[in-house]
Amino acid sequence: MVVTELLSQRAAREDVRDWWDAAACGTADPEMFFPVSAFGPGMDEIARAKAVCASCRVRRQCLQYALATHQVHGVWGGTTEEERRVRAATPAPRAESGVRSA
């Protein structure tokens, strides 16, 4: 049981490294993704960070990681702290079951 859990944890870490290594932000200035403020000059940094994210092929994985690990600072997966907070607080839409009421 313990070995299975360790292998599962190792696989999870490798999955994170796989997408992380492919992220478009890897060659960008990291400070751009962590502006001091969402106002003033920080707005420009956020816009530049989101532009990098827009072209990133692992944007979805990055956002999933940020939501799963409760990242409260920075731009992750093309979203700001506030956008992730709103997303986390909004219930996911329910899938339709195909059954209609009369």
Protein backbone atom coordinates (compact mmCIF):
# COMPACT_ATOMS: atom_id res chain seq x y z
CA MET A 1 0.00 0.00 0.00
CA VAL A 2 2.77 2.44 0.94
CA VAL A 3 4.71 1.63 -2.23
CA THR A 4 1.61 2.29 -4.34
CA GLU A 5 1.11 5.67 -2.67
CA LEU A 6 4.77 6.61 -3.20
CA LEU A 7 4.59 5.65 -6.88
CA SER A 8 1.39 7.67 -7.25
CA GLN A 9 3.02 10.72 -5.64
CA ARG A 10 6.09 10.37 -7.87
CA ALA A 11 3.89 10.17 -10.98
CA ALA A 12 2.01 13.30 -9.89
CA ARG A 13 5.29 15.20 -9.45
CA GLU A 14 6.48 14.06 -12.88
CA ASP A 15 3.20 15.23 -14.45
CA VAL A 16 3.76 18.68 -12.94
CA ARG A 17 7.32 18.80 -14.26
CA ASP A 18 6.19 17.72 -17.73
CA TRP A 19 3.81 20.63 -18.23
CA TRP A 20 5.99 23.04 -16.27
CA ASP A 21 8.94 22.40 -18.58
CA ALA A 22 6.73 23.09 -21.62
CA ALA A 23 5.30 26.37 -20.26
CA ALA A 24 5.74 29.49 -22.38
CA CYS A 25 6.61 31.52 -19.28
CA GLY A 26 9.82 29.55 -18.79
CA THR A 27 11.81 32.09 -20.79
CA ALA A 28 9.88 35.19 -19.64
CA ASP A 29 10.69 37.55 -16.78
CA PRO A 30 9.11 35.90 -13.69
CA GLU A 31 8.42 39.27 -12.07
CA MET A 32 5.92 40.02 -14.83
CA PHE A 33 3.76 37.16 -13.49
CA PHE A 34 3.85 38.48 -9.92
CA PRO A 35 3.04 42.22 -10.10
CA VAL A 36 3.06 44.21 -6.88
CA SER A 37 -0.40 45.57 -7.61
CA ALA A 38 -3.28 45.00 -10.02
CA PHE A 39 -3.37 48.77 -10.60
CA GLY A 40 -1.03 51.28 -12.23
CA PRO A 41 2.12 49.69 -13.69
CA GLY A 42 0.93 46.31 -12.44
CA MET A 43 -1.87 46.40 -15.01
CA ASP A 44 0.72 46.47 -17.80
CA GLU A 45 2.60 43.54 -16.29
CA ILE A 46 -0.63 41.54 -15.98
CA ALA A 47 -1.49 42.27 -19.62
CA ARG A 48 1.99 41.15 -20.75
CA ALA A 49 1.80 38.01 -18.60
CA LYS A 50 -1.63 37.14 -19.99
CA ALA A 51 -0.29 37.61 -23.53
CA VAL A 52 2.42 35.02 -22.80
CA CYS A 53 -0.22 32.69 -21.33
CA ALA A 54 -2.46 33.13 -24.38
CA SER A 55 0.16 31.48 -26.58
CA CYS A 56 1.02 28.73 -24.08
CA ARG A 57 0.18 25.14 -24.97
CA VAL A 58 -0.04 24.06 -21.31
CA ARG A 59 -2.19 26.94 -20.10
CA ARG A 60 -4.99 24.61 -18.96
CA GLN A 61 -2.64 22.47 -16.87
CA CYS A 62 -1.13 25.60 -15.33
CA LEU A 63 -4.55 26.90 -14.32
CA GLN A 64 -5.55 23.50 -12.93
CA TYR A 65 -2.34 23.44 -10.88
CA ALA A 66 -2.98 26.96 -9.55
CA LEU A 67 -6.53 26.07 -8.53
CA ALA A 68 -5.56 22.72 -7.00
CA THR A 69 -2.71 24.24 -4.98
CA HIS A 70 -4.61 27.42 -4.08
CA GLN A 71 -2.07 29.84 -5.58
CA VAL A 72 -3.06 33.23 -4.21
CA HIS A 73 -0.42 35.33 -5.95
CA GLY A 74 0.49 35.86 -9.56
CA VAL A 75 -0.83 35.13 -13.02
CA TRP A 76 -1.33 31.40 -13.58
CA GLY A 77 -2.93 29.90 -16.68
CA GLY A 78 -3.86 33.35 -17.92
CA THR A 79 -5.78 34.28 -14.77
CA THR A 80 -5.15 36.75 -11.98
CA GLU A 81 -5.64 36.13 -8.29
CA GLU A 82 -9.10 37.72 -8.42
CA GLU A 83 -10.17 35.75 -11.49
CA ARG A 84 -9.15 32.48 -9.81
CA ARG A 85 -10.96 33.47 -6.62
CA VAL A 86 -14.16 34.10 -8.59
CA ARG A 87 -13.74 30.85 -10.52
CA ALA A 88 -13.18 28.86 -7.33
CA ALA A 89 -16.27 30.42 -5.71
CA THR A 90 -18.51 29.78 -8.72
CA PRO A 91 -20.14 26.35 -8.76
CA ALA A 92 -19.33 24.24 -11.82
CA PRO A 93 -22.20 23.87 -14.29
CA ARG A 94 -24.08 20.62 -13.94
CA ALA A 95 -24.04 18.22 -16.85
CA GLU A 96 -27.42 17.56 -18.38
CA SER A 97 -28.64 14.04 -17.82
CA GLY A 98 -30.65 13.92 -21.03
CA VAL A 99 -33.88 13.48 -19.06
CA ARG A 100 -36.42 16.20 -19.56
CA SER A 101 -39.28 16.94 -17.24
CA ALA A 102 -42.76 17.17 -18.64
